[in-house]
Amino acid sequence: MLPEVLAQIAQVLAVLILAPLIQGFILRYEERVQRARGPSVLQPYRDLWKQFHKQLVIPETASWVFWAAPIVAFTAMLTVPLLIPVLTNYPLPLSDMGDILGGGLILTVGTFFINLAALDSGSAYGGIGASRTVMLSILAEPTLILVFVGITLMAKAMLPFVVNHLLVADSAVYWSPTHLLLVLAFFILLLVETDKLPIHSSTHIEVYMIEEARILEYSGPLLGLLKWASMMKQFILYTIFCNVLLLPWGLSVHGTALGIFAAMVVLVLKLFLIGAAMIVVQTSQSRLRFYRYQEPLAASFLLAILAIIANQIR
């Protein structure tokens, strides 16, 4: 067996290193679906390299919040892999620092600081992006909490490792209405949290800018940190969805070096599958007006409520 500390470091490094690869896969095949050539799957690595070698420009109106936000967001994304099953199906030394709800809270810390930084710079675009993000969060965050509550009630525990073991061991629970409804609710949340709803845009078009508007004033290494943190957040959410809910198999059981490497390969294949599903959903829908963001989030909220009710009457 690998020492547990090394296994935990491997989990963090997997998120850190592989997150741009998943983003590159999604960007490339979004274009291929639309019959364009698309960038290389390695393009996000090149973009990060360029950002970290560019000059840093700071707005004159910015305070310490502008500097701190990228560091806080990046650190938060490095913390969550300590708490969730990324490569192993058993807890590692620091996994008891928090449960599944604590991991969700850490994810929102980065978003909170980026919103503050968007307002701190005094940019009109930053204000637009921050306000739109908060409007989405008003429905997304309570729904995420409800999904976590549903998972907790189903497994009678708040640790993601327990949920993983339960779903692997008991096919009746896996195919139960409670679990299937939670999977659907979480999938809709993934569309929102990873900017895949047809109200989002990765381009600098004012009417659709949300994430890009929040970080428009950033440049150089700070922008690189924010972009990397965003890719890591996507990777983490996909990993939670796969390893805790949808595809809980393929994790290392004994913690050997070969087992952890195999778990890493299996994880990449799982995330490619989820990324392909996201591409299909995103490209098959027409562009929506912003105010219609309520519709998928309300559906996700209702699915989470139904999952909790189904668990109670089971």
Protein backbone atom coordinates (compact mmCIF):
# COMPACT_ATOMS: atom_id res chain seq x y z
CA MET A 1 0.00 0.00 0.00
CA LEU A 2 1.02 3.57 -0.59
CA PRO A 3 1.23 5.58 2.64
CA GLU A 4 -2.12 7.31 3.16
CA VAL A 5 -0.46 10.73 3.08
CA LEU A 6 0.91 10.01 -0.41
CA ALA A 7 -2.51 8.77 -1.53
CA GLN A 8 -4.05 12.02 -0.31
CA ILE A 9 -1.42 14.06 -2.13
CA ALA A 10 -2.18 12.01 -5.27
CA GLN A 11 -5.87 12.97 -4.98
CA VAL A 12 -5.06 16.68 -4.81
CA LEU A 13 -2.55 16.43 -7.67
CA ALA A 14 -5.10 14.55 -9.79
CA VAL A 15 -7.56 17.44 -9.45
CA LEU A 16 -4.83 20.04 -9.98
CA ILE A 17 -3.28 18.45 -13.08
CA LEU A 18 -6.25 16.80 -14.80
CA ALA A 19 -8.79 19.64 -14.44
CA PRO A 20 -7.51 21.50 -17.57
CA LEU A 21 -7.64 18.22 -19.53
CA ILE A 22 -11.38 17.81 -18.84
CA GLN A 23 -11.96 21.44 -19.78
CA GLY A 24 -9.99 20.94 -23.00
CA PHE A 25 -12.06 17.87 -23.88
CA ILE A 26 -15.31 19.81 -23.39
CA LEU A 27 -14.15 22.84 -25.38
CA ARG A 28 -12.88 20.73 -28.25
CA TYR A 29 -15.91 18.52 -28.65
CA GLU A 30 -18.39 21.36 -28.21
CA GLU A 31 -16.89 22.73 -31.41
CA ARG A 32 -16.81 19.32 -33.10
CA VAL A 33 -20.51 18.81 -32.41
CA GLN A 34 -21.10 22.13 -34.18
CA ARG A 35 -18.96 20.89 -37.11
CA ALA A 36 -16.00 23.11 -36.30
CA ARG A 37 -12.46 21.87 -35.78
CA GLY A 38 -12.12 22.98 -32.18
CA PRO A 39 -8.95 23.62 -30.13
CA SER A 40 -6.63 20.90 -28.90
CA VAL A 41 -7.57 19.18 -25.64
CA LEU A 42 -4.26 20.54 -24.32
CA GLN A 43 -5.16 24.16 -25.11
CA PRO A 44 -6.13 25.01 -21.48
CA TYR A 45 -2.61 24.06 -20.36
CA ARG A 46 -1.14 26.42 -22.96
CA ASP A 47 -3.52 29.19 -21.92
CA LEU A 48 -2.52 28.81 -18.27
CA TRP A 49 1.17 28.86 -19.23
CA LYS A 50 0.66 32.12 -21.14
CA GLN A 51 -1.33 33.72 -18.31
CA PHE A 52 1.34 32.94 -15.73
CA HIS A 53 3.97 34.56 -17.95
CA LYS A 54 2.03 37.77 -18.70
CA GLN A 55 2.31 41.10 -16.95
CA LEU A 56 0.05 41.70 -13.96
CA VAL A 57 -2.16 44.82 -14.25
CA ILE A 58 -4.20 45.91 -11.21
CA PRO A 59 -7.03 48.51 -11.33
CA GLU A 60 -6.27 51.65 -9.34
CA THR A 61 -9.53 51.26 -7.41
CA ALA A 62 -8.78 47.70 -6.28
CA SER A 63 -8.17 46.85 -2.62
CA TRP A 64 -6.70 43.77 -0.92
CA VAL A 65 -9.91 41.85 -1.77
CA PHE A 66 -8.96 41.96 -5.46
CA TRP A 67 -5.62 40.32 -4.65
CA ALA A 68 -7.03 37.82 -2.16
CA ALA A 69 -9.95 36.45 -4.20
CA PRO A 70 -7.92 34.33 -6.69
CA ILE A 71 -5.77 32.91 -3.90
CA VAL A 72 -8.81 32.06 -1.72
CA ALA A 73 -10.66 30.48 -4.67
CA PHE A 74 -7.64 28.43 -5.71
CA THR A 75 -6.95 27.30 -2.13
CA ALA A 76 -10.58 26.30 -1.62
CA MET A 77 -10.43 24.09 -4.71
CA LEU A 78 -7.28 22.42 -3.35
CA THR A 79 -9.03 21.74 -0.03
CA VAL A 80 -12.17 19.95 -1.25
CA PRO A 81 -10.27 16.93 -2.73
CA LEU A 82 -9.11 16.17 0.81
CA LEU A 83 -12.72 15.49 1.83
CA ILE A 84 -14.22 13.51 -1.06
CA PRO A 85 -13.51 10.15 -2.75
CA VAL A 86 -11.40 11.06 -5.76
CA LEU A 87 -9.18 7.99 -6.14
CA THR A 88 -9.84 5.85 -3.03
CA ASN A 89 -13.10 4.51 -1.62
CA TYR A 90 -11.91 4.90 1.98
CA PRO A 91 -11.19 8.01 4.05
CA LEU A 92 -7.65 9.38 4.07
CA PRO A 93 -5.96 11.20 7.01
CA LEU A 94 -7.56 14.62 6.45
CA SER A 95 -10.94 13.38 5.19
CA ASP A 96 -12.51 13.80 8.62
CA MET A 97 -12.06 17.59 8.49
CA GLY A 98 -15.55 17.90 7.01
CA ASP A 99 -18.50 16.04 5.56
CA ILE A 100 -20.30 16.43 2.23
CA LEU A 101 -22.03 19.63 3.39
CA GLY A 102 -18.70 21.07 4.53
CA GLY A 103 -17.23 20.40 1.09
CA GLY A 104 -20.14 22.26 -0.51
CA LEU A 105 -19.56 25.20 1.83
CA ILE A 106 -15.87 25.37 0.89
CA LEU A 107 -16.83 25.43 -2.79
CA THR A 108 -19.03 28.49 -2.20
CA VAL A 109 -16.26 30.38 -0.36
CA GLY A 110 -14.36 30.88 -3.61
CA THR A 111 -17.49 32.11 -5.39
CA PHE A 112 -18.20 34.56 -2.56
CA PHE A 113 -14.72 36.12 -2.73
CA ILE A 114 -14.78 36.37 -6.53
CA ASN A 115 -18.10 38.22 -6.30
CA LEU A 116 -16.57 40.62 -3.76
CA ALA A 117 -13.57 41.19 -6.03
CA ALA A 118 -15.86 41.86 -9.02
CA LEU A 119 -17.56 44.62 -7.05
CA ASP A 120 -14.29 45.83 -5.51
CA SER A 121 -12.77 46.83 -8.84
CA GLY A 122 -15.64 49.25 -9.54
CA SER A 123 -16.15 47.87 -13.05
CA ALA A 124 -19.67 47.96 -14.46
CA TYR A 125 -19.11 44.54 -16.01
CA GLY A 126 -17.91 43.15 -12.69
CA GLY A 127 -21.10 44.36 -11.05
CA ILE A 128 -23.22 42.74 -13.78
CA GLY A 129 -21.41 39.42 -13.43
CA ALA A 130 -21.58 39.42 -9.63
CA SER A 131 -25.28 40.31 -9.53
CA ARG A 132 -26.16 37.62 -12.08
CA THR A 133 -24.15 35.03 -10.15
CA VAL A 134 -25.98 35.92 -6.94
CA MET A 135 -29.35 35.67 -8.70
CA LEU A 136 -28.46 32.16 -9.83
CA SER A 137 -27.16 31.26 -6.37
CA ILE A 138 -30.45 32.25 -4.70
CA LEU A 139 -32.01 29.10 -6.15
CA ALA A 140 -28.90 26.98 -6.79
CA GLU A 141 -27.45 26.99 -3.25
CA PRO A 142 -30.67 25.95 -1.41
CA THR A 143 -31.17 23.22 -4.01
CA LEU A 144 -27.61 21.98 -3.51
CA ILE A 145 -28.22 21.83 0.24
CA LEU A 146 -31.45 19.90 -0.34
CA VAL A 147 -29.61 17.41 -2.56
CA PHE A 148 -27.01 16.90 0.18
CA VAL A 149 -29.80 16.47 2.73
CA GLY A 150 -31.41 13.86 0.46
CA ILE A 151 -28.09 12.02 0.14
CA THR A 152 -27.67 12.12 3.92
CA LEU A 153 -31.16 10.75 4.58
CA MET A 154 -30.66 8.00 2.00
CA ALA A 155 -27.32 6.85 3.44
CA LYS A 156 -28.02 7.88 7.07
CA ALA A 157 -24.59 9.51 7.07
CA MET A 158 -23.03 12.75 5.81
CA LEU A 159 -19.73 11.23 4.71
CA PRO A 160 -19.43 10.74 0.93
CA PHE A 161 -17.45 7.51 1.44
CA VAL A 162 -20.43 5.94 3.23
CA VAL A 163 -22.72 6.88 0.33
CA ASN A 164 -20.25 5.37 -2.13
CA HIS A 165 -20.10 2.07 -0.21
CA LEU A 166 -23.89 1.91 0.13
CA LEU A 167 -24.54 2.35 -3.59
CA VAL A 168 -21.86 -0.18 -4.56
CA ALA A 169 -23.10 -2.78 -2.06
CA ASP A 170 -26.87 -2.44 -2.48
CA SER A 171 -28.35 -2.35 -6.00
CA ALA A 172 -31.83 -1.82 -4.55
CA VAL A 173 -30.71 1.52 -3.12
CA TYR A 174 -28.94 2.43 -6.35
CA TRP A 175 -32.11 1.91 -8.42
CA SER A 176 -34.44 3.38 -5.81
CA PRO A 177 -36.56 6.44 -6.72
CA THR A 178 -34.73 8.48 -4.08
CA HIS A 179 -31.34 7.91 -5.67
CA LEU A 180 -32.52 8.42 -9.25
CA LEU A 181 -34.26 11.69 -8.37
CA LEU A 182 -31.12 12.92 -6.60
CA VAL A 183 -29.04 12.08 -9.67
CA LEU A 184 -31.37 14.13 -11.89
CA ALA A 185 -31.43 17.05 -9.44
CA PHE A 186 -27.64 17.10 -9.14
CA PHE A 187 -27.20 16.87 -12.92
CA ILE A 188 -29.26 20.03 -13.41
CA LEU A 189 -27.19 21.75 -10.72
CA LEU A 190 -24.02 20.77 -12.59
CA LEU A 191 -25.31 22.65 -15.63
CA VAL A 192 -25.69 25.78 -13.51
CA GLU A 193 -22.53 25.50 -11.42
CA THR A 194 -20.29 24.76 -14.43
CA ASP A 195 -21.81 27.46 -16.69
CA LYS A 196 -23.45 25.03 -19.12
CA LEU A 197 -26.96 26.49 -19.12
CA PRO A 198 -27.82 28.19 -22.45
CA ILE A 199 -27.90 31.54 -20.62
CA HIS A 200 -24.11 31.41 -20.13
CA SER A 201 -21.41 32.35 -22.57
CA SER A 202 -17.64 31.91 -22.44
CA THR A 203 -17.23 34.83 -24.84
CA HIS A 204 -17.16 38.57 -24.13
CA ILE A 205 -20.74 39.26 -25.19
CA GLU A 206 -22.23 41.65 -22.67
CA VAL A 207 -25.78 40.30 -22.67
CA TYR A 208 -24.62 36.75 -21.81
CA MET A 209 -21.53 37.41 -19.68
CA ILE A 210 -21.65 35.97 -16.17
CA GLU A 211 -18.39 34.27 -15.24
CA GLU A 212 -16.35 36.26 -17.76
CA ALA A 213 -17.81 39.54 -16.50
CA ARG A 214 -16.74 38.82 -12.91
CA ILE A 215 -13.10 38.35 -13.84
CA LEU A 216 -12.86 40.86 -16.70
CA GLU A 217 -10.53 43.18 -14.73
CA TYR A 218 -8.04 40.42 -13.97
CA SER A 219 -4.90 39.72 -15.97
CA GLY A 220 -1.67 37.78 -15.78
CA PRO A 221 -1.05 35.25 -12.99
CA LEU A 222 -4.16 36.26 -11.01
CA LEU A 223 -6.34 35.55 -14.05
CA GLY A 224 -4.51 32.25 -14.47
CA LEU A 225 -5.32 31.30 -10.88
CA LEU A 226 -9.00 32.13 -11.39
CA LYS A 227 -9.23 30.16 -14.63
CA TRP A 228 -7.48 27.19 -13.04
CA ALA A 229 -9.73 27.36 -9.97
CA SER A 230 -12.80 27.37 -12.24
CA MET A 231 -11.56 24.25 -14.06
CA MET A 232 -10.85 22.56 -10.72
CA LYS A 233 -14.34 23.39 -9.47
CA GLN A 234 -15.82 21.76 -12.56
CA PHE A 235 -13.58 18.71 -12.05
CA ILE A 236 -14.59 18.43 -8.37
CA LEU A 237 -18.32 18.71 -9.04
CA TYR A 238 -18.11 16.08 -11.80
CA THR A 239 -16.10 13.84 -9.45
CA ILE A 240 -18.69 14.14 -6.67
CA PHE A 241 -21.44 13.40 -9.18
CA CYS A 242 -19.63 10.31 -10.50
CA ASN A 243 -17.95 8.82 -7.43
CA VAL A 244 -20.70 9.57 -4.90
CA LEU A 245 -23.89 9.28 -6.99
CA LEU A 246 -23.86 8.07 -10.58
CA LEU A 247 -20.81 5.80 -11.06
CA PRO A 248 -19.49 4.87 -7.60
CA TRP A 249 -17.32 2.03 -8.92
CA GLY A 250 -13.68 2.02 -10.05
CA LEU A 251 -12.03 3.54 -6.96
CA SER A 252 -8.93 2.09 -5.33
CA VAL A 253 -9.84 -0.28 -2.49
CA HIS A 254 -6.42 -1.25 -1.16
CA GLY A 255 -4.45 1.91 -1.91
CA THR A 256 -1.70 0.31 -3.97
CA ALA A 257 0.23 2.43 -6.46
CA LEU A 258 -1.23 0.44 -9.37
CA GLY A 259 -4.74 0.66 -7.94
CA ILE A 260 -4.53 4.43 -7.52
CA PHE A 261 -3.17 4.85 -11.07
CA ALA A 262 -5.99 2.66 -12.43
CA ALA A 263 -8.54 4.70 -10.41
CA MET A 264 -7.13 7.86 -11.99
CA VAL A 265 -7.57 6.45 -15.50
CA VAL A 266 -11.12 5.28 -14.70
CA LEU A 267 -11.94 8.71 -13.23
CA VAL A 268 -10.81 10.47 -16.42
CA LEU A 269 -13.03 8.14 -18.48
CA LYS A 270 -15.99 8.85 -16.18
CA LEU A 271 -15.48 12.59 -16.46
CA PHE A 272 -15.18 12.37 -20.24
CA LEU A 273 -18.57 10.62 -20.20
CA ILE A 274 -20.14 13.34 -18.03
CA GLY A 275 -18.49 16.01 -20.17
CA ALA A 276 -20.01 14.43 -23.30
CA ALA A 277 -23.45 14.48 -21.65
CA MET A 278 -22.96 18.16 -20.79
CA ILE A 279 -21.99 18.92 -24.39
CA VAL A 280 -25.11 17.19 -25.72
CA VAL A 281 -27.40 19.05 -23.30
CA GLN A 282 -25.77 22.42 -23.93
CA THR A 283 -25.60 22.22 -27.72
CA SER A 284 -29.07 20.75 -28.17
CA GLN A 285 -30.78 23.76 -26.58
CA SER A 286 -31.40 27.15 -28.07
CA ARG A 287 -30.08 30.25 -26.34
CA LEU A 288 -32.45 31.34 -23.56
CA ARG A 289 -33.14 34.75 -22.12
CA PHE A 290 -31.50 35.25 -18.74
CA TYR A 291 -34.70 35.38 -16.69
CA ARG A 292 -35.49 31.78 -17.71
CA TYR A 293 -32.69 30.51 -15.46
CA GLN A 294 -35.43 29.87 -12.89
CA GLU A 295 -36.98 27.01 -14.88
CA PRO A 296 -34.20 24.37 -14.64
CA LEU A 297 -33.34 25.39 -11.09
CA ALA A 298 -36.98 25.12 -10.01
CA ALA A 299 -37.10 21.66 -11.62
CA SER A 300 -33.96 20.65 -9.72
CA PHE A 301 -35.44 21.97 -6.47
CA LEU A 302 -38.65 19.96 -6.97
CA LEU A 303 -36.68 16.81 -7.82
CA ALA A 304 -34.69 17.16 -4.59
CA ILE A 305 -37.92 17.62 -2.59
CA LEU A 306 -39.44 14.53 -4.26
CA ALA A 307 -36.30 12.55 -3.46
CA ILE A 308 -36.60 13.42 0.24
CA ILE A 309 -40.33 12.54 0.24
CA ALA A 310 -39.65 9.23 -1.55
CA ASN A 311 -37.00 8.37 1.02
CA GLN A 312 -39.37 9.08 3.90
CA ILE A 313 -42.16 6.84 2.54
CA ARG A 314 -39.81 4.05 1.48
